Amino acid sequence: MAPSPLTISRAALMASAFGLAAFIAPHHAPFNGGGALVSTAYAEDALGQEVGGHLQQAQKALAAHKLSQAMEAVDAADAVKSKSSYEAYVIAQMRAAVAAQSGNAAAALKAYDVLINSARTPAASKKQMLMAQASMAYSARDYANAAKAAARYTHDYGADPQMQTLLVQCYYLQQDWKGTIAAVRGIIAADQKAKRPPAESQLQMMATAYGNLRDLPGQTNAYVQLVKYYPRTQYWQILIHNLVSDQSLSPRLVFNLQRLRLATGVLTNPSDFQDMAERAVQMGLPQLALNLLNEGYNRHLLGSGPAAASQEHFRSFVAQQAAKTRNDLPASVQEAGRTPTAGPSLTTGYNLILNGQVDQGLALIQQGQEKKPRFPDIAQLEKGMALIDAGRKTDAATLLDSMNGDGVVNDLAQLWAVYLHSAAAR
């Protein structure tokens, strides 16, 4: 998606030009009797009579808006041989002013380079010049020089919203996808620190950049941010499609994604309910499997048609497994306490919650997390799911929202948090 053009008014560019002309004045006395313009800032700096005469003509022509005559006078001053470094500097000042007013971006940008790189230019003026240079180059569609100036501005003077936006757009329009991503990430970090939402257009550009780099995890994370701050249906659809297409997901994450699809109304295939239930049984959570199957029956997606008999047979099997697990809970709790590994405590704690013993289950899950599970982020995600199943959705949203790092586990956690917040708002 192409970005909206950054609006740089001609008035702003004209102001920068007048600023340059004004910048000359405080540093120079009027022509003295000998025809030289003497600097009041540097006693040793003076304009020779020939250079000074041409520049005086340029100033008069500029004031009268006779821009071609002004540039001719500047060129004449520049053609003088054996100019001092000071004279070259003042010529660059006048050239920038005339070029900016006449719309000659190429000439103005070169003159700005001379001024910005000169030790004679005060820091405050360099800051203004860099911003004007970046804006002028962008308006001239010279995105490479615009990006260079904006990046230098950010490096030398810190973040500025206009310069950051311009930098992102320059990288994007040059199809510099890595530069686009880095620039947007810098803005997002600043936005998060300031507790404000990132701009939707910048997140869109980041998603496009990741897509062009064929970086599916990165693109997924960008759409997670879009769903989080701008929960539009199309973003959810793209995001779910990307996650389903991710062949690197572990079985437990596939199961979590299935549950998310169920919660958001995307999962409607009867076979998906059986697949979810089978995964839950394999995870040692048959009661959760039974709950999911019952949800399928409640939605009238199971229990009818030619597969109704086999579906009921499978539900009976799962119900038996759930009853056995429930009866074995006291022994499982004892065993989990004796086992140094995390798995038994995490699974048994979840089963306690599914069977109504929420506080005891959460305590056992906490013990399991303290035993350093192999995948601590997945354990935290599943604790959030346990809180959802316990009906403690506010606590679940808080926990899942805190998982804001990189990676698909954190992406799923953020999506669940978005879903819970939106459900609470309805």
Protein backbone atom coordinates (compact mmCIF):
# COMPACT_ATOMS: atom_id res chain seq x y z
CA MET A 1 0.00 0.00 0.00
CA ALA A 2 1.55 3.29 -1.08
CA PRO A 3 1.95 5.91 1.63
CA SER A 4 0.15 9.20 1.54
CA PRO A 5 2.48 11.97 0.30
CA LEU A 6 4.02 14.06 3.03
CA THR A 7 2.73 17.57 2.48
CA ILE A 8 5.52 20.13 2.32
CA SER A 9 4.08 23.55 1.60
CA ARG A 10 5.87 25.87 -0.77
CA ALA A 11 5.49 28.48 1.94
CA ALA A 12 7.69 26.41 4.21
CA LEU A 13 10.37 26.12 1.57
CA MET A 14 10.18 29.85 0.87
CA ALA A 15 10.52 30.49 4.58
CA SER A 16 13.69 28.42 4.66
CA ALA A 17 15.05 30.46 1.79
CA PHE A 18 14.27 33.77 3.50
CA GLY A 19 15.80 32.31 6.61
CA LEU A 20 19.07 31.81 4.77
CA ALA A 21 19.04 35.34 3.49
CA ALA A 22 18.35 36.60 7.00
CA PHE A 23 21.08 34.34 8.33
CA ILE A 24 23.62 36.20 6.22
CA ALA A 25 22.66 39.58 7.59
CA PRO A 26 23.55 39.17 11.29
CA HIS A 27 27.04 37.99 10.40
CA HIS A 28 28.01 40.78 8.04
CA ALA A 29 28.27 44.52 8.18
CA PRO A 30 27.10 46.55 5.17
CA PHE A 31 29.63 47.24 2.42
CA ASN A 32 32.30 49.58 3.68
CA GLY A 33 33.88 52.30 1.71
CA GLY A 34 36.33 49.89 0.11
CA GLY A 35 33.54 47.75 -1.22
CA ALA A 36 34.12 44.78 1.12
CA LEU A 37 31.45 43.12 3.26
CA VAL A 38 33.14 42.46 6.59
CA SER A 39 32.04 39.72 9.00
CA THR A 40 31.23 40.86 12.50
CA ALA A 41 31.58 37.28 13.74
CA TYR A 42 35.06 36.60 12.35
CA ALA A 43 37.32 39.59 12.10
CA GLU A 44 39.55 37.85 9.61
CA ASP A 45 36.63 37.07 7.28
CA ALA A 46 35.83 39.54 4.56
CA LEU A 47 34.30 39.48 1.12
CA GLY A 48 36.49 40.80 -1.62
CA GLN A 49 35.22 43.63 -3.73
CA GLU A 50 34.49 41.46 -6.79
CA VAL A 51 32.67 38.67 -4.91
CA GLY A 52 30.91 41.15 -2.68
CA GLY A 53 29.70 43.19 -5.62
CA HIS A 54 28.15 40.17 -7.33
CA LEU A 55 26.48 39.05 -4.10
CA GLN A 56 25.09 42.53 -3.51
CA GLN A 57 23.50 42.35 -6.96
CA ALA A 58 22.14 38.90 -6.10
CA GLN A 59 20.58 40.21 -2.90
CA LYS A 60 18.88 43.08 -4.71
CA ALA A 61 17.55 40.76 -7.43
CA LEU A 62 16.33 38.29 -4.84
CA ALA A 63 14.48 41.02 -2.96
CA ALA A 64 12.85 42.05 -6.22
CA HIS A 65 11.96 38.41 -7.00
CA LYS A 66 14.10 38.50 -10.15
CA LEU A 67 15.31 35.00 -9.51
CA SER A 68 17.12 34.28 -12.77
CA GLN A 69 19.10 37.50 -12.42
CA ALA A 70 19.87 36.61 -8.81
CA MET A 71 21.22 33.21 -9.79
CA GLU A 72 23.30 34.75 -12.58
CA ALA A 73 24.88 37.07 -10.04
CA VAL A 74 25.58 34.14 -7.69
CA ASP A 75 27.19 32.22 -10.56
CA ALA A 76 29.30 35.25 -11.36
CA ALA A 77 30.47 35.41 -7.76
CA ASP A 78 31.26 31.71 -7.81
CA ALA A 79 33.27 32.13 -11.03
CA VAL A 80 35.72 34.51 -9.34
CA LYS A 81 39.09 32.81 -9.06
CA SER A 82 41.07 32.38 -5.84
CA LYS A 83 38.04 32.75 -3.57
CA SER A 84 38.59 32.39 0.14
CA SER A 85 36.79 29.68 2.09
CA TYR A 86 34.70 32.39 3.64
CA GLU A 87 33.64 33.75 0.25
CA ALA A 88 32.73 30.24 -0.91
CA TYR A 89 30.62 29.84 2.22
CA VAL A 90 28.68 33.09 1.68
CA ILE A 91 28.16 32.21 -1.97
CA ALA A 92 26.66 28.87 -0.88
CA GLN A 93 24.32 30.77 1.46
CA MET A 94 23.08 33.00 -1.32
CA ARG A 95 22.83 30.12 -3.80
CA ALA A 96 20.68 28.13 -1.38
CA ALA A 97 18.38 31.10 -0.82
CA VAL A 98 17.93 31.83 -4.52
CA ALA A 99 17.61 28.17 -5.54
CA ALA A 100 15.02 27.46 -2.84
CA GLN A 101 12.85 30.40 -3.95
CA SER A 102 13.14 29.49 -7.61
CA GLY A 103 12.32 25.82 -7.01
CA ASN A 104 15.72 24.57 -8.21
CA ALA A 105 15.93 21.70 -5.74
CA ALA A 106 19.14 20.18 -7.09
CA ALA A 107 21.07 23.44 -6.71
CA ALA A 108 19.56 24.18 -3.32
CA LEU A 109 20.38 20.71 -1.98
CA LYS A 110 24.03 21.01 -3.04
CA ALA A 111 24.26 24.41 -1.40
CA TYR A 112 22.68 23.07 1.76
CA ASP A 113 25.32 20.34 1.87
CA VAL A 114 28.07 22.96 1.87
CA LEU A 115 26.40 24.93 4.65
CA ILE A 116 25.46 21.95 6.81
CA ASN A 117 28.96 20.50 6.62
CA SER A 118 30.61 23.81 7.45
CA ALA A 119 31.89 24.58 10.93
CA ARG A 120 30.81 28.17 10.32
CA THR A 121 27.12 27.29 10.53
CA PRO A 122 25.66 27.42 14.06
CA ALA A 123 24.11 24.19 15.34
CA ALA A 124 20.61 25.69 15.50
CA SER A 125 20.84 26.76 11.87
CA LYS A 126 22.13 23.33 10.82
CA LYS A 127 19.09 21.77 12.44
CA GLN A 128 16.74 23.99 10.44
CA MET A 129 18.69 23.44 7.25
CA LEU A 130 18.62 19.65 7.61
CA MET A 131 14.86 19.71 8.01
CA ALA A 132 14.47 22.02 5.02
CA GLN A 133 16.87 19.92 2.95
CA ALA A 134 14.99 16.69 3.74
CA SER A 135 11.63 18.29 2.98
CA MET A 136 12.83 19.88 -0.25
CA ALA A 137 14.41 16.64 -1.50
CA TYR A 138 11.23 14.73 -0.71
CA SER A 139 9.10 17.25 -2.61
CA ALA A 140 11.50 16.86 -5.55
CA ARG A 141 11.14 13.05 -5.29
CA ASP A 142 14.82 12.76 -4.55
CA TYR A 143 14.12 10.12 -1.94
CA ALA A 144 17.71 9.02 -1.47
CA ASN A 145 18.88 12.51 -0.46
CA ALA A 146 15.71 13.10 1.55
CA ALA A 147 16.33 9.91 3.53
CA LYS A 148 19.97 10.85 4.03
CA ALA A 149 19.05 14.26 5.44
CA ALA A 150 16.23 12.90 7.62
CA ALA A 151 18.46 10.15 9.00
CA ARG A 152 21.19 12.65 9.81
CA TYR A 153 18.65 14.95 11.47
CA THR A 154 17.43 12.07 13.66
CA HIS A 155 20.99 11.06 14.52
CA ASP A 156 22.16 14.57 15.36
CA TYR A 157 19.05 16.11 16.94
CA GLY A 158 16.84 13.25 18.05
CA ALA A 159 13.43 12.03 16.96
CA ASP A 160 11.07 14.43 15.24
CA PRO A 161 7.67 13.08 14.10
CA GLN A 162 7.78 14.82 10.72
CA MET A 163 11.33 13.65 9.98
CA GLN A 164 10.57 10.10 11.13
CA THR A 165 7.51 9.91 8.90
CA LEU A 166 9.45 11.32 5.97
CA LEU A 167 12.24 8.80 6.54
CA VAL A 168 9.83 5.85 6.53
CA GLN A 169 8.18 7.06 3.34
CA CYS A 170 11.53 7.61 1.61
CA TYR A 171 12.68 4.08 2.37
CA TYR A 172 9.31 2.69 1.34
CA LEU A 173 9.19 4.56 -1.97
CA GLN A 174 12.72 3.38 -2.78
CA GLN A 175 11.64 -0.18 -1.94
CA ASP A 176 14.31 -0.31 0.75
CA TRP A 177 12.35 -2.80 2.82
CA LYS A 178 14.93 -3.28 5.56
CA GLY A 179 15.27 0.47 5.98
CA THR A 180 11.48 0.80 6.11
CA ILE A 181 11.23 -1.81 8.87
CA ALA A 182 14.04 -0.29 10.92
CA ALA A 183 12.53 3.20 10.66
CA VAL A 184 9.02 2.05 11.61
CA ARG A 185 10.35 0.02 14.54
CA GLY A 186 12.09 3.14 15.82
CA ILE A 187 8.82 5.04 15.69
CA ILE A 188 6.91 2.22 17.38
CA ALA A 189 9.44 2.17 20.22
CA ALA A 190 8.99 5.91 20.72
CA ASP A 191 5.20 5.54 20.55
CA GLN A 192 5.22 2.77 23.14
CA LYS A 193 7.37 4.88 25.45
CA ALA A 194 4.93 7.76 25.04
CA LYS A 195 1.96 5.39 25.42
CA ARG A 196 0.37 6.33 22.11
CA PRO A 197 -0.73 4.05 19.28
CA PRO A 198 1.48 3.77 16.18
CA ALA A 199 0.09 5.24 12.96
CA GLU A 200 -1.90 2.71 10.95
CA SER A 201 -0.19 3.70 7.68
CA GLN A 202 3.25 3.04 9.16
CA LEU A 203 2.23 -0.39 10.40
CA GLN A 204 0.82 -1.12 6.94
CA MET A 205 4.13 -0.16 5.34
CA MET A 206 6.01 -2.38 7.77
CA ALA A 207 3.72 -5.32 6.97
CA THR A 208 4.27 -4.74 3.24
CA ALA A 209 8.03 -4.51 3.74
CA TYR A 210 8.14 -7.83 5.62
CA GLY A 211 5.97 -9.37 2.91
CA ASN A 212 8.38 -8.27 0.18
CA LEU A 213 11.25 -9.76 2.18
CA ARG A 214 9.23 -12.99 2.47
CA ASP A 215 9.61 -12.75 6.24
CA LEU A 216 6.40 -14.42 7.41
CA PRO A 217 7.07 -14.11 11.18
CA GLY A 218 7.85 -10.41 10.78
CA GLN A 219 4.76 -9.81 8.66
CA THR A 220 2.65 -11.71 11.19
CA ASN A 221 3.97 -9.51 13.99
CA ALA A 222 3.13 -6.39 11.97
CA TYR A 223 -0.44 -7.59 11.49
CA VAL A 224 -0.64 -8.39 15.20
CA GLN A 225 0.12 -4.71 15.85
CA LEU A 226 -2.49 -3.68 13.28
CA VAL A 227 -5.11 -5.93 14.88
CA LYS A 228 -4.16 -4.67 18.32
CA TYR A 229 -4.55 -0.99 17.49
CA TYR A 230 -6.88 -1.11 14.46
CA PRO A 231 -8.94 -4.32 14.80
CA ARG A 232 -10.38 -4.40 11.32
CA THR A 233 -11.81 -7.59 9.83
CA GLN A 234 -9.35 -7.66 6.93
CA TYR A 235 -6.38 -7.57 9.30
CA TRP A 236 -7.77 -10.49 11.29
CA GLN A 237 -8.30 -12.44 8.08
CA ILE A 238 -4.76 -11.84 6.80
CA LEU A 239 -3.31 -12.63 10.19
CA ILE A 240 -5.18 -15.89 10.65
CA HIS A 241 -4.24 -16.93 7.11
CA ASN A 242 -0.56 -16.22 7.80
CA LEU A 243 -0.63 -18.17 11.05
CA VAL A 244 -2.38 -21.14 9.45
CA SER A 245 0.22 -21.09 6.67
CA ASP A 246 3.12 -21.13 9.13
CA GLN A 247 4.52 -24.66 8.91
CA SER A 248 6.90 -24.03 11.81
CA LEU A 249 4.17 -23.98 14.48
CA SER A 250 4.49 -26.66 17.13
CA PRO A 251 1.45 -28.90 17.81
CA ARG A 252 0.61 -26.95 20.97
CA LEU A 253 0.65 -23.66 19.05
CA VAL A 254 -1.47 -25.15 16.27
CA PHE A 255 -3.96 -26.13 18.98
CA ASN A 256 -3.90 -22.61 20.43
CA LEU A 257 -4.46 -21.14 16.97
CA GLN A 258 -7.43 -23.47 16.47
CA ARG A 259 -8.92 -22.20 19.69
CA LEU A 260 -8.40 -18.60 18.56
CA ARG A 261 -10.10 -19.36 15.25
CA LEU A 262 -12.98 -20.91 17.19
CA ALA A 263 -13.28 -17.88 19.47
CA THR A 264 -13.30 -15.44 16.55
CA GLY A 265 -15.82 -17.46 14.55
CA VAL A 266 -13.41 -18.52 11.79
CA LEU A 267 -13.32 -22.23 12.63
CA THR A 268 -16.49 -23.85 11.29
CA ASN A 269 -15.36 -27.20 9.85
CA PRO A 270 -16.62 -30.21 11.90
CA SER A 271 -13.34 -32.04 11.30
CA ASP A 272 -11.48 -29.19 13.01
CA PHE A 273 -13.41 -29.82 16.22
CA GLN A 274 -12.36 -33.45 16.26
CA ASP A 275 -8.77 -32.46 15.48
CA MET A 276 -8.80 -29.94 18.35
CA ALA A 277 -10.23 -32.52 20.73
CA GLU A 278 -7.62 -35.10 19.72
CA ARG A 279 -4.83 -32.58 20.36
CA ALA A 280 -6.28 -31.72 23.78
CA VAL A 281 -6.41 -35.40 24.72
CA GLN A 282 -2.79 -35.82 23.61
CA MET A 283 -1.85 -32.85 25.81
CA GLY A 284 -3.41 -34.65 28.80
CA LEU A 285 -6.44 -32.32 28.94
CA PRO A 286 -9.44 -34.52 28.09
CA GLN A 287 -11.90 -32.26 29.92
CA LEU A 288 -10.85 -29.39 27.66
CA ALA A 289 -11.35 -31.72 24.68
CA LEU A 290 -14.86 -32.53 25.89
CA ASN A 291 -15.65 -28.82 26.38
CA LEU A 292 -14.58 -28.07 22.81
CA LEU A 293 -16.66 -30.92 21.40
CA ASN A 294 -19.67 -29.71 23.35
CA GLU A 295 -19.13 -26.26 21.87
CA GLY A 296 -19.31 -27.85 18.42
CA TYR A 297 -22.59 -29.51 19.35
CA ASN A 298 -23.94 -26.24 20.75
CA ARG A 299 -23.16 -24.52 17.46
CA HIS A 300 -24.86 -27.35 15.56
CA LEU A 301 -21.64 -28.09 13.72
CA LEU A 302 -21.46 -31.59 15.20
CA GLY A 303 -24.09 -34.27 15.74
CA SER A 304 -25.84 -34.19 12.38
CA GLY A 305 -25.28 -35.65 8.95
CA PRO A 306 -23.57 -38.92 7.97
CA ALA A 307 -20.73 -38.43 10.48
CA ALA A 308 -23.06 -37.96 13.47
CA ALA A 309 -22.63 -41.50 14.79
CA SER A 310 -18.82 -41.45 14.68
CA GLN A 311 -18.80 -37.99 16.25
CA GLU A 312 -20.95 -39.20 19.14
CA HIS A 313 -18.78 -42.26 19.57
CA PHE A 314 -15.69 -40.06 19.81
CA ARG A 315 -17.38 -37.76 22.31
CA SER A 316 -18.22 -40.74 24.52
CA PHE A 317 -14.58 -41.82 24.43
CA VAL A 318 -13.40 -38.33 25.39
CA ALA A 319 -15.97 -38.16 28.20
CA GLN A 320 -14.59 -41.40 29.62
CA GLN A 321 -11.04 -40.04 29.50
CA ALA A 322 -12.19 -36.84 31.22
CA ALA A 323 -13.89 -38.81 34.00
CA LYS A 324 -10.78 -40.92 34.58
CA THR A 325 -8.54 -37.86 34.72
CA ARG A 326 -10.94 -36.21 37.19
CA ASN A 327 -10.93 -39.28 39.45
CA ASP A 328 -7.13 -39.47 39.32
CA LEU A 329 -6.59 -35.81 40.21
CA PRO A 330 -5.63 -36.32 43.90
CA ALA A 331 -2.96 -38.86 42.94
CA SER A 332 -1.80 -36.66 40.05
CA VAL A 333 -1.37 -33.69 42.40
CA GLN A 334 0.79 -35.78 44.72
CA GLU A 335 2.87 -37.06 41.83
CA ALA A 336 3.34 -33.56 40.38
CA GLY A 337 4.66 -32.33 43.73
CA ARG A 338 7.28 -35.07 43.80
CA THR A 339 8.40 -34.65 40.19
CA PRO A 340 11.24 -32.17 39.52
CA THR A 341 10.14 -31.50 35.92
CA ALA A 342 7.56 -28.86 35.09
CA GLY A 343 5.21 -30.80 32.83
CA PRO A 344 3.17 -32.77 35.44
CA SER A 345 2.57 -29.65 37.56
CA LEU A 346 1.49 -27.59 34.54
CA THR A 347 -0.85 -30.26 33.16
CA THR A 348 -2.34 -31.27 36.49
CA GLY A 349 -2.83 -27.64 37.47
CA TYR A 350 -4.72 -27.03 34.24
CA ASN A 351 -6.88 -30.12 34.87
CA LEU A 352 -7.69 -28.85 38.35
CA ILE A 353 -8.90 -25.58 36.84
CA LEU A 354 -10.98 -27.39 34.22
CA ASN A 355 -12.65 -29.29 37.05
CA GLY A 356 -13.49 -26.24 39.13
CA GLN A 357 -10.52 -26.13 41.51
CA VAL A 358 -9.21 -22.84 40.16
CA ASP A 359 -7.05 -21.51 43.00
CA GLN A 360 -5.39 -24.86 43.64
CA GLY A 361 -4.81 -25.29 39.93
CA LEU A 362 -3.24 -21.87 39.51
CA ALA A 363 -0.95 -22.51 42.47
CA LEU A 364 0.21 -25.78 40.92
CA ILE A 365 0.78 -24.11 37.54
CA GLN A 366 2.91 -21.50 39.30
CA GLN A 367 4.95 -24.28 40.86
CA GLY A 368 5.41 -25.79 37.43
CA GLN A 369 6.65 -22.49 36.02
CA GLU A 370 9.17 -22.24 38.83
CA LYS A 371 10.55 -25.63 37.74
CA LYS A 372 11.79 -23.96 34.54
CA PRO A 373 9.76 -25.57 31.76
CA ARG A 374 11.48 -26.17 28.44
CA PHE A 375 9.29 -23.58 26.71
CA PRO A 376 8.47 -20.96 29.38
CA ASP A 377 6.67 -18.69 26.92
CA ILE A 378 4.29 -21.49 25.91
CA ALA A 379 3.72 -22.29 29.59
CA GLN A 380 2.78 -18.65 30.18
CA LEU A 381 0.47 -18.63 27.16
CA GLU A 382 -1.29 -21.76 28.40
CA LYS A 383 -1.63 -20.25 31.87
CA GLY A 384 -3.49 -17.42 30.17
CA MET A 385 -5.73 -19.96 28.44
CA ALA A 386 -6.35 -21.68 31.78
CA LEU A 387 -7.48 -18.35 33.22
CA ILE A 388 -9.87 -17.95 30.28
CA ASP A 389 -11.27 -21.43 30.89
CA ALA A 390 -11.63 -20.56 34.56
CA GLY A 391 -13.76 -17.54 33.65
CA ARG A 392 -11.13 -15.07 34.86
CA LYS A 393 -10.94 -13.21 31.59
CA THR A 394 -9.75 -9.91 33.04
CA ASP A 395 -6.77 -11.63 34.68
CA ALA A 396 -6.16 -13.54 31.45
CA ALA A 397 -6.15 -10.35 29.39
CA THR A 398 -3.67 -8.71 31.77
CA LEU A 399 -1.32 -11.69 31.65
CA LEU A 400 -1.51 -12.15 27.88
CA ASP A 401 -1.16 -8.44 27.19
CA SER A 402 2.12 -8.46 29.14
CA MET A 403 3.58 -10.95 26.63
CA ASN A 404 4.60 -8.28 24.11
CA GLY A 405 7.93 -9.63 22.86
CA ASP A 406 8.83 -11.06 19.48
CA GLY A 407 7.90 -14.51 18.19
CA VAL A 408 4.72 -16.37 17.35
CA VAL A 409 3.95 -17.31 20.98
CA ASN A 410 3.85 -13.65 21.95
CA ASP A 411 1.91 -12.87 18.77
CA LEU A 412 -0.76 -15.36 19.79
CA ALA A 413 -0.81 -13.97 23.33
CA GLN A 414 -1.32 -10.45 21.98
CA LEU A 415 -4.15 -11.64 19.73
CA TRP A 416 -5.90 -13.31 22.64
CA ALA A 417 -5.53 -10.09 24.64
CA VAL A 418 -7.03 -8.10 21.75
CA TYR A 419 -9.91 -10.57 21.51
CA LEU A 420 -10.58 -10.45 25.26
CA HIS A 421 -10.52 -6.65 25.35
CA SER A 422 -12.86 -6.40 22.38
CA ALA A 423 -15.20 -9.02 23.86
CA ALA A 424 -15.30 -7.11 27.14
CA ALA A 425 -16.15 -3.92 25.29
CA ARG A 426 -19.14 -5.48 23.56
